[in-house]
Structure formats: structure tokens, C-alpha cells
Protein backbone atom coordinates (compact mmCIF):
# COMPACT_ATOMS: atom_id res chain seq x y z
CA MET A 1 -16.15 20.57 -13.44
CA ALA A 2 -14.45 17.87 -11.34
CA GLU A 3 -11.17 18.95 -9.66
CA LYS A 4 -8.08 17.41 -11.12
CA VAL A 5 -5.69 15.65 -8.59
CA LEU A 6 -2.34 14.42 -9.91
CA VAL A 7 -1.57 11.11 -8.30
CA THR A 8 2.09 10.13 -8.41
CA GLY A 9 2.66 6.35 -8.25
CA GLY A 10 -1.03 5.82 -8.95
CA GLY A 11 -0.37 2.30 -10.46
CA GLY A 12 0.87 0.81 -7.43
CA TYR A 13 -0.72 -0.78 -4.52
CA ILE A 14 -1.98 2.03 -2.18
CA GLY A 15 -2.04 4.65 -5.15
CA SER A 16 -4.61 2.52 -7.18
CA HIS A 17 -6.96 1.97 -4.34
CA CYS A 18 -6.64 5.84 -3.79
CA VAL A 19 -7.64 6.47 -7.31
CA VAL A 20 -10.85 4.47 -6.83
CA GLU A 21 -12.01 6.52 -3.98
CA LEU A 22 -11.02 9.72 -5.83
CA ILE A 23 -13.28 8.90 -8.67
CA GLU A 24 -16.14 7.78 -6.35
CA ALA A 25 -15.69 10.94 -4.38
CA GLY A 26 -16.18 13.15 -7.67
CA TYR A 27 -12.46 13.98 -8.28
CA GLN A 28 -10.64 13.42 -11.80
CA PRO A 29 -7.33 11.83 -10.92
CA ILE A 30 -4.58 12.24 -13.41
CA VAL A 31 -2.23 9.27 -12.69
CA VAL A 32 1.69 9.16 -13.28
CA ASP A 33 3.76 5.90 -12.64
CA ASN A 34 7.19 4.75 -13.93
CA PHE A 35 6.10 0.89 -13.41
CA SER A 36 8.86 0.24 -10.66
CA ASN A 37 5.89 -1.02 -8.50
CA ALA A 38 3.33 -1.47 -11.08
CA VAL A 39 2.50 -4.13 -13.69
CA ARG A 40 2.22 -2.95 -17.20
CA GLY A 41 -1.04 -4.04 -18.91
CA GLU A 42 -2.56 -3.22 -22.39
CA GLY A 43 -1.82 -0.10 -24.05
CA ASN A 44 1.14 0.59 -21.71
CA VAL A 45 -1.16 1.46 -18.83
CA PRO A 46 -0.97 -0.17 -15.43
CA GLU A 47 -2.98 -3.34 -15.08
CA SER A 48 -4.39 -1.73 -11.95
CA ILE A 49 -5.43 1.36 -13.84
CA ARG A 50 -6.99 -0.52 -16.59
CA ARG A 51 -8.97 -2.80 -14.19
CA ILE A 52 -10.52 0.06 -12.26
CA GLU A 53 -11.38 1.81 -15.68
CA LYS A 54 -13.60 -1.39 -16.29
CA LEU A 55 -14.87 -1.77 -12.63
CA LEU A 56 -15.92 1.86 -12.49
CA LYS A 57 -16.78 2.14 -16.13
CA THR A 58 -14.75 5.25 -16.78
CA SER A 59 -11.53 6.45 -18.31
CA ILE A 60 -8.43 7.49 -16.46
CA GLU A 61 -5.80 9.68 -17.92
CA PHE A 62 -2.35 8.14 -17.45
CA HIS A 63 1.24 9.15 -18.24
CA GLU A 64 4.34 6.86 -17.89
CA LEU A 65 6.66 9.31 -15.97
CA ASP A 66 9.56 9.04 -13.78
CA LEU A 67 9.80 12.16 -11.31
CA LEU A 68 13.32 12.26 -11.96
CA ASP A 69 12.53 13.63 -15.47
CA ARG A 70 12.07 17.09 -14.55
CA PRO A 71 11.17 18.40 -18.41
CA GLY A 72 8.44 15.60 -18.48
CA LEU A 73 7.01 16.80 -15.21
CA GLU A 74 6.97 20.49 -16.31
CA LYS A 75 5.07 19.31 -19.56
CA LEU A 76 2.37 17.58 -17.52
CA PHE A 77 1.93 20.68 -15.14
CA LYS A 78 1.71 22.99 -18.37
CA LYS A 79 -1.02 20.40 -19.77
CA HIS A 80 -3.22 20.38 -16.62
CA SER A 81 -4.39 22.65 -13.98
CA PHE A 82 -4.27 20.57 -10.60
CA SER A 83 -6.06 21.49 -7.42
CA ALA A 84 -3.71 19.23 -5.36
CA VAL A 85 -1.11 16.52 -5.65
CA ILE A 86 -1.09 13.20 -3.81
CA HIS A 87 2.40 11.82 -3.61
CA PHE A 88 2.71 8.01 -3.43
CA ALA A 89 5.63 7.68 -5.76
CA GLY A 90 9.02 6.17 -4.34
CA LEU A 91 10.96 3.14 -3.39
CA LYS A 92 9.52 1.49 -0.28
CA ALA A 93 11.45 -1.75 0.85
CA VAL A 94 12.89 -1.23 4.40
CA GLY A 95 15.43 -4.27 3.91
CA GLU A 96 16.68 -3.18 0.40
CA SER A 97 16.80 0.42 1.61
CA VAL A 98 19.49 -0.99 4.33
CA GLU A 99 21.28 -2.75 1.37
CA LYS A 100 20.97 0.17 -1.02
CA PRO A 101 20.77 3.43 0.84
CA LEU A 102 22.14 5.69 -1.95
CA LEU A 103 19.62 4.52 -4.33
CA TYR A 104 16.78 5.45 -1.94
CA TYR A 105 18.06 8.74 -1.23
CA LYS A 106 18.57 9.54 -4.81
CA VAL A 107 15.16 8.31 -6.04
CA ASN A 108 12.95 9.44 -3.13
CA LEU A 109 14.62 12.66 -2.19
CA THR A 110 15.48 14.06 -5.79
CA ALA A 111 12.25 13.19 -7.10
CA PHE A 112 10.30 14.81 -4.54
CA MET A 113 12.38 18.05 -4.82
CA ASN A 114 11.59 17.96 -8.65
CA LEU A 115 7.84 17.58 -7.79
CA LEU A 116 7.79 20.32 -5.07
CA GLU A 117 9.79 22.73 -7.20
CA VAL A 118 7.56 22.37 -10.37
CA MET A 119 4.56 22.68 -8.09
CA GLN A 120 5.83 26.01 -6.90
CA ALA A 121 6.56 27.12 -10.44
CA HIS A 122 2.97 26.29 -11.54
CA ARG A 123 1.30 27.65 -8.35
CA VAL A 124 -0.23 24.28 -7.27
CA ARG A 125 0.04 24.65 -3.63
CA ASN A 126 -1.90 21.85 -1.96
CA LEU A 127 -0.11 18.55 -1.20
CA VAL A 128 -1.14 15.23 0.44
CA PHE A 129 2.15 13.18 1.29
CA SER A 130 2.20 9.51 1.90
CA SER A 131 4.49 9.03 4.70
CA SER A 132 5.04 6.37 7.09
CA ALA A 133 5.21 5.39 10.76
CA THR A 134 8.73 4.47 10.25
CA VAL A 135 9.64 8.06 11.00
CA TYR A 136 9.07 7.26 14.58
CA GLY A 137 11.92 4.91 14.54
CA ASP A 138 12.15 2.48 17.53
CA PRO A 139 8.92 3.57 19.59
CA GLN A 140 9.60 5.22 23.00
CA ARG A 141 5.98 4.77 23.91
CA LEU A 142 2.99 3.00 22.68
CA PRO A 143 0.47 3.55 21.17
CA ILE A 144 2.41 6.26 18.93
CA ASP A 145 0.68 9.56 18.63
CA GLU A 146 1.77 12.67 16.29
CA GLN A 147 3.72 14.12 19.16
CA HIS A 148 6.04 11.07 19.57
CA PRO A 149 9.67 12.15 18.53
CA VAL A 150 10.54 11.65 14.84
CA GLY A 151 13.80 11.35 12.97
CA GLY A 152 15.34 8.38 15.10
CA CYS A 153 14.79 6.11 11.85
CA THR A 154 16.20 2.66 11.98
CA ASN A 155 16.45 2.34 8.10
CA PRO A 156 17.15 4.61 5.02
CA TYR A 157 13.49 4.24 3.63
CA GLY A 158 12.23 5.79 7.15
CA LYS A 159 14.80 8.54 6.76
CA THR A 160 13.66 9.45 3.21
CA LYS A 161 10.17 9.69 4.54
CA TYR A 162 11.29 11.90 7.51
CA PHE A 163 13.53 14.25 5.10
CA ILE A 164 10.67 14.81 2.95
CA GLU A 165 8.36 15.62 5.95
CA GLU A 166 10.95 18.31 6.92
CA MET A 167 11.22 19.69 3.54
CA VAL A 168 7.30 19.93 3.48
CA LYS A 169 7.15 21.72 6.95
CA ASP A 170 9.89 24.11 5.99
CA HIS A 171 8.45 24.97 2.64
CA CYS A 172 4.98 25.53 4.18
CA LYS A 173 6.44 27.80 6.74
CA ALA A 174 8.25 29.82 4.27
CA GLU A 175 5.39 29.82 1.83
CA LYS A 176 2.16 30.85 3.78
CA ASP A 177 -0.08 29.90 0.97
CA TRP A 178 0.97 26.13 0.85
CA ASN A 179 -1.20 23.57 2.57
CA ALA A 180 -0.01 20.19 3.16
CA VAL A 181 -1.18 16.86 4.85
CA LEU A 182 1.51 14.56 5.90
CA LEU A 183 -0.34 11.13 6.49
CA ARG A 184 1.84 8.63 8.48
CA TYR A 185 0.70 5.18 7.35
CA PHE A 186 0.98 2.07 9.61
CA ASN A 187 0.79 -1.24 7.66
CA PRO A 188 -1.78 -1.33 4.88
CA ILE A 189 -3.15 -4.69 3.83
CA GLY A 190 -6.20 -6.17 2.22
CA ALA A 191 -7.57 -5.40 -1.14
CA HIS A 192 -10.52 -3.97 -2.92
CA CYS A 193 -13.84 -6.01 -2.24
CA SER A 194 -14.11 -6.85 -6.06
CA GLY A 195 -11.02 -8.86 -5.95
CA GLN A 196 -9.77 -6.86 -9.07
CA ILE A 197 -6.97 -4.83 -7.52
CA GLY A 198 -4.62 -5.52 -4.78
CA GLU A 199 -0.98 -5.70 -3.74
CA ASP A 200 1.27 -7.30 -6.38
CA PRO A 201 4.74 -7.25 -5.38
CA GLN A 202 7.34 -7.55 -8.16
CA GLY A 203 9.66 -10.38 -7.13
CA ILE A 204 9.84 -11.63 -3.72
CA PRO A 205 7.34 -9.79 -1.28
CA ASN A 206 9.00 -7.39 1.19
CA ASN A 207 5.93 -7.21 3.35
CA LEU A 208 4.46 -9.76 5.55
CA LEU A 209 0.84 -10.28 4.18
CA PRO A 210 1.49 -10.47 0.48
CA TYR A 211 4.13 -13.20 1.47
CA VAL A 212 1.67 -14.98 3.54
CA ALA A 213 -1.11 -15.05 0.84
CA GLN A 214 1.42 -16.19 -1.64
CA VAL A 215 2.27 -19.31 0.73
CA ALA A 216 -1.60 -19.75 1.04
CA VAL A 217 -2.10 -19.98 -2.58
CA GLY A 218 0.82 -22.14 -3.21
CA ARG A 219 3.05 -19.71 -4.83
CA ARG A 220 5.72 -19.82 -2.07
CA GLU A 221 6.73 -22.78 -0.13
CA CYS A 222 7.09 -21.34 3.34
CA LEU A 223 7.00 -18.15 5.24
CA SER A 224 10.10 -16.71 6.99
CA VAL A 225 9.29 -15.25 10.38
CA TYR A 226 12.01 -12.67 11.08
CA GLY A 227 12.89 -12.98 14.87
CA ASN A 228 10.95 -14.60 17.53
CA ASP A 229 12.70 -13.21 20.50
CA TYR A 230 11.22 -9.72 20.60
CA ASP A 231 9.43 -8.38 23.98
CA THR A 232 6.01 -9.05 22.38
CA ILE A 233 3.04 -11.55 23.12
CA ASP A 234 4.68 -14.43 21.20
CA GLY A 235 8.02 -13.00 20.56
CA THR A 236 7.40 -11.96 16.85
CA GLY A 237 6.86 -8.33 15.61
CA VAL A 238 3.82 -6.55 16.29
CA ARG A 239 2.29 -4.07 13.70
CA ASP A 240 -0.94 -1.91 13.26
CA TYR A 241 -2.36 -3.38 10.19
CA ILE A 242 -4.97 -1.02 8.48
CA HIS A 243 -7.19 -1.93 5.39
CA VAL A 244 -5.90 -0.22 2.19
CA VAL A 245 -9.49 1.07 1.39
CA ASP A 246 -9.68 2.73 4.90
CA LEU A 247 -6.21 4.15 4.13
CA ALA A 248 -7.20 5.34 0.78
CA LYS A 249 -10.38 7.19 2.23
CA GLY A 250 -8.00 8.88 4.61
CA HIS A 251 -6.67 10.72 1.59
CA ILE A 252 -10.06 11.97 0.68
CA ALA A 253 -10.38 13.32 4.18
CA ALA A 254 -7.13 14.92 3.85
CA LEU A 255 -7.98 16.68 0.56
CA LYS A 256 -11.11 18.15 2.16
CA LYS A 257 -8.75 19.32 5.05
CA LEU A 258 -6.57 21.33 2.62
CA LYS A 259 -9.63 23.38 1.45
CA GLU A 260 -9.70 24.70 5.12
CA ASP A 261 -6.19 26.51 4.39
CA CYS A 262 -4.78 24.09 6.98
CA GLY A 263 -1.03 24.91 6.63
CA CYS A 264 1.03 21.81 7.49
CA LYS A 265 -0.82 19.07 9.26
CA VAL A 266 0.17 15.58 10.38
CA TYR A 267 -1.97 12.56 11.07
CA ASN A 268 -1.37 8.95 11.80
CA LEU A 269 -3.57 6.54 9.67
CA GLY A 270 -3.91 3.38 11.75
CA THR A 271 -6.36 1.23 13.68
CA GLY A 272 -4.67 1.71 17.10
CA LYS A 273 -4.34 -2.19 17.72
CA GLY A 274 -1.16 -4.29 17.09
CA TYR A 275 -1.04 -7.92 15.90
CA SER A 276 1.82 -10.20 15.93
CA VAL A 277 3.23 -11.90 12.96
CA LEU A 278 1.94 -15.30 14.21
CA GLU A 279 -1.43 -13.78 14.82
CA MET A 280 -1.61 -12.63 11.35
CA VAL A 281 -0.64 -16.00 10.12
CA LYS A 282 -3.46 -17.51 12.07
CA ALA A 283 -6.03 -15.10 10.70
CA MET A 284 -4.80 -15.56 7.02
CA GLU A 285 -5.22 -19.44 7.74
CA LYS A 286 -8.85 -18.78 8.76
CA ALA A 287 -9.63 -16.56 5.81
CA SER A 288 -7.99 -19.10 3.37
CA GLY A 289 -8.80 -22.30 4.88
CA LYS A 290 -5.23 -23.28 4.16
CA GLU A 291 -2.24 -24.20 6.51
CA ILE A 292 0.37 -21.61 6.10
CA PRO A 293 3.95 -23.28 6.95
CA TYR A 294 6.49 -21.08 8.46
CA LYS A 295 10.06 -21.22 9.87
CA ILE A 296 11.79 -18.79 12.20
CA ALA A 297 14.73 -16.92 10.73
CA PRO A 298 17.24 -14.26 12.17
CA ARG A 299 15.96 -10.53 12.82
CA ARG A 300 16.04 -8.12 9.81
CA GLY A 301 18.08 -5.04 10.21
CA GLY A 302 16.14 -2.02 10.71
CA ASP A 303 13.01 -3.87 12.28
CA VAL A 304 11.40 -2.75 15.64
CA ALA A 305 9.53 -5.04 18.16
CA SER A 306 6.21 -3.15 18.28
CA CYS A 307 4.56 -0.39 16.51
CA TYR A 308 1.05 0.65 16.67
CA ALA A 309 -0.95 4.00 16.38
CA ASP A 310 -2.93 6.30 18.38
CA PRO A 311 -5.25 7.58 15.46
CA ARG A 312 -7.54 9.79 17.55
CA VAL A 313 -6.31 13.09 16.03
CA ALA A 314 -7.30 11.97 12.50
CA GLU A 315 -10.63 11.04 13.82
CA LYS A 316 -11.05 14.48 15.48
CA GLU A 317 -9.65 16.56 12.94
CA LEU A 318 -10.40 14.74 9.51
CA GLY A 319 -13.59 12.80 10.58
CA TRP A 320 -11.70 9.93 9.64
CA LYS A 321 -11.63 6.24 11.21
CA ALA A 322 -10.65 2.70 10.18
CA GLN A 323 -13.90 0.82 9.46
CA PHE A 324 -12.50 -2.68 8.63
CA ASP A 325 -11.63 -5.20 11.27
CA LEU A 326 -8.69 -7.84 11.02
CA GLU A 327 -11.05 -10.68 9.40
CA ARG A 328 -12.40 -8.39 6.89
CA MET A 329 -8.90 -7.44 5.98
CA CYS A 330 -7.57 -10.92 5.51
CA GLU A 331 -11.00 -12.09 3.82
CA ASP A 332 -10.29 -9.33 1.13
CA LEU A 333 -6.77 -10.01 0.72
CA TRP A 334 -7.62 -13.80 0.26
CA ARG A 335 -10.16 -13.06 -2.40
CA TRP A 336 -7.70 -10.99 -4.30
CA GLN A 337 -5.10 -13.62 -3.99
CA SER A 338 -7.23 -16.51 -4.83
CA MET A 339 -8.72 -14.62 -7.84
CA ASN A 340 -5.32 -13.63 -9.04
CA PRO A 341 -2.94 -16.37 -7.93
CA THR A 342 -0.07 -14.99 -9.90
CA GLY A 343 -0.98 -11.36 -9.32
CA PHE A 344 -2.06 -8.97 -12.25
CA SER A 345 -0.06 -10.92 -14.92
CA ASN A 346 -2.31 -13.88 -14.93
CA GLY A 347 -5.55 -13.29 -12.91
CA THR A 348 -9.34 -12.78 -13.66
CA CYS A 349 -10.89 -9.60 -14.64
């Protein structure tokens, strides 16, 4: 019988791609989401999950649930015996977190504490946590390895990821039978090769590539490039972009690591190569065959100049390595955006 894995925030961008990989790896994902970053489809199921069911010719159990709803969470854990939890759910916009820090602390931290306590009560002791390279703050050295200092976060979003990591480390230290893998993502982009699921931000995109893709498809007029006076190759911010499918496969590798009674482990998931904003614009112009107009705008609060990974520990200990290059990332992103010009709400399936 397939192992049941609870996927929180499984209707969102990264979560939905992870659901695909879980099913293809033989797991049974049970998905919860509160629709804060997911589009509601037929039958009050996320459109992403509905499309995965059709794509993989399967059915996926879904529950509309906010992790702040402690009784609802208890009910779910009484119904199912989970072998592990993959925790994606949370607010995730850097800029918004600077403007609304209390909201981010309330939602991200309280929800996670609920989850951890309910897991403990029901003896579910295996966790994969969706962390972020933002925990490193302004990099002291590049590339960033897992030994780089953490906690000097430049925004409240990053601080919530850091605080959750600390909670998990402390809990695993106190409870020796717990195992956790903390995955520090760099910048996921791209989409499933089918073009059926991808990133569909609600409102104005907070991340670069969805915005660039929406400009290319004609949904937005112009890209704002926030700052061109950083100490980088062309003055614009440099980031490590990783294909979302590579990222999702990293979670399958993490689940396997939990089987080794690994305690608490931390891994970077990135490619090890940084690209500037303007390099990404050129790559998307090539993939789409469209000119992407842009204008220079002031820097955003909380942004850093350069951030890219040293992913060698994940390769050594998880047997994981990013496979897709920048061209493929942009091609898959453009396929998704061109097939779904207004996102899940009015695409093809």
C-alpha cells in the first residue's frame, strides 16, 4: 500500500509540481490548501490538482483547510496515518512581508506550530520543510553553502523561514525519534512540460519570471527592473534560478533521506549558477520570440545584490542534482504561459 504523505499548500506552484512527482514515485499525496495562492476549480478543488488528476489519470484526496484551524488539522490526522509531511503552506512575498510583518509572523509561524504539535500528538515524526535561501540574508560569500551564517534576514518573510528552521532543529534535538529535512530553495521557475500546471500568481506577480512571462504574453505592459546599480555584471540583481520540476524531485530525494533516520538535515536546492535580471529577460525573449519592454525602478526593500547556491551537499547526500538548463526553464515557462495566457482561470486543459 502506498505511503500517505500530507502536502500542505499542495495547490500552489511548487506544491502542485511536488504532487506530480509524489504520484509518479508511488506515494499517495493527501493535499490541503486554503486557496491563498491557489485557484479554485470545479468541485472546490484547486485547478492545479484537477489538472494533475486528468494528466496522470488518477484521483487525489483534497481538503480545503487553513493550518490556523487546529481542530480541522486534528480531524485530518485522526482520519489518516501519514508517513511524512511536506510543508509548503505559507505567505511568501518578500515585498509584502516588509509592508505587513505581523501578518507574516501570525500566518507562517502560528500555522507551523499547529502543524508540529498535531504531528507530535499523532506520532508523525518525519518532516520535509520548504525553506528558502532568504535565511542567509545578504551573502557574506558566494556561492552560498549550508555552512554560511543564517539569521541575518533582510525581510520578515525570510525571518519566518529562519524561525521555523530553528523550531525544527530544537524539536529534533529534544525528540530523538524525529527526522526532518530543511530544503533551502533558491529561485524556482519554469513549469511542467505538459503546459498544464505552472505558476499563476494571484494579482500582480511578486517574482520576476511570472511577471516577465505576463509581459511577453501581453497581459502586462512593461517590466519594472528594481535597481540597476548593484555590484553585479550589469547592475541588476543576480539569482540562482532552478526548474520547479528539479525542485520537486528534490523533495522525493528528501523523503528517501528521512528513511535513514537522518535527524535534522539541511540542503540547498539550486543550480550553482547566477543570472541577472536582464539576462533572464533576454532568455525569455528568446524562448517566446517576443520583445519584453522594461523600465528601471528604485530598489525594493529587502532585496540583495547576488544570491546563488553551492548545491554539492545535496548531490552528495541526496543523490540529487538539477538537470534542466536556463533555456529549458524558459521554454517550459513560455509553454505554460502561452497555453494559459490568463493562468488557470482561462487556459486550455
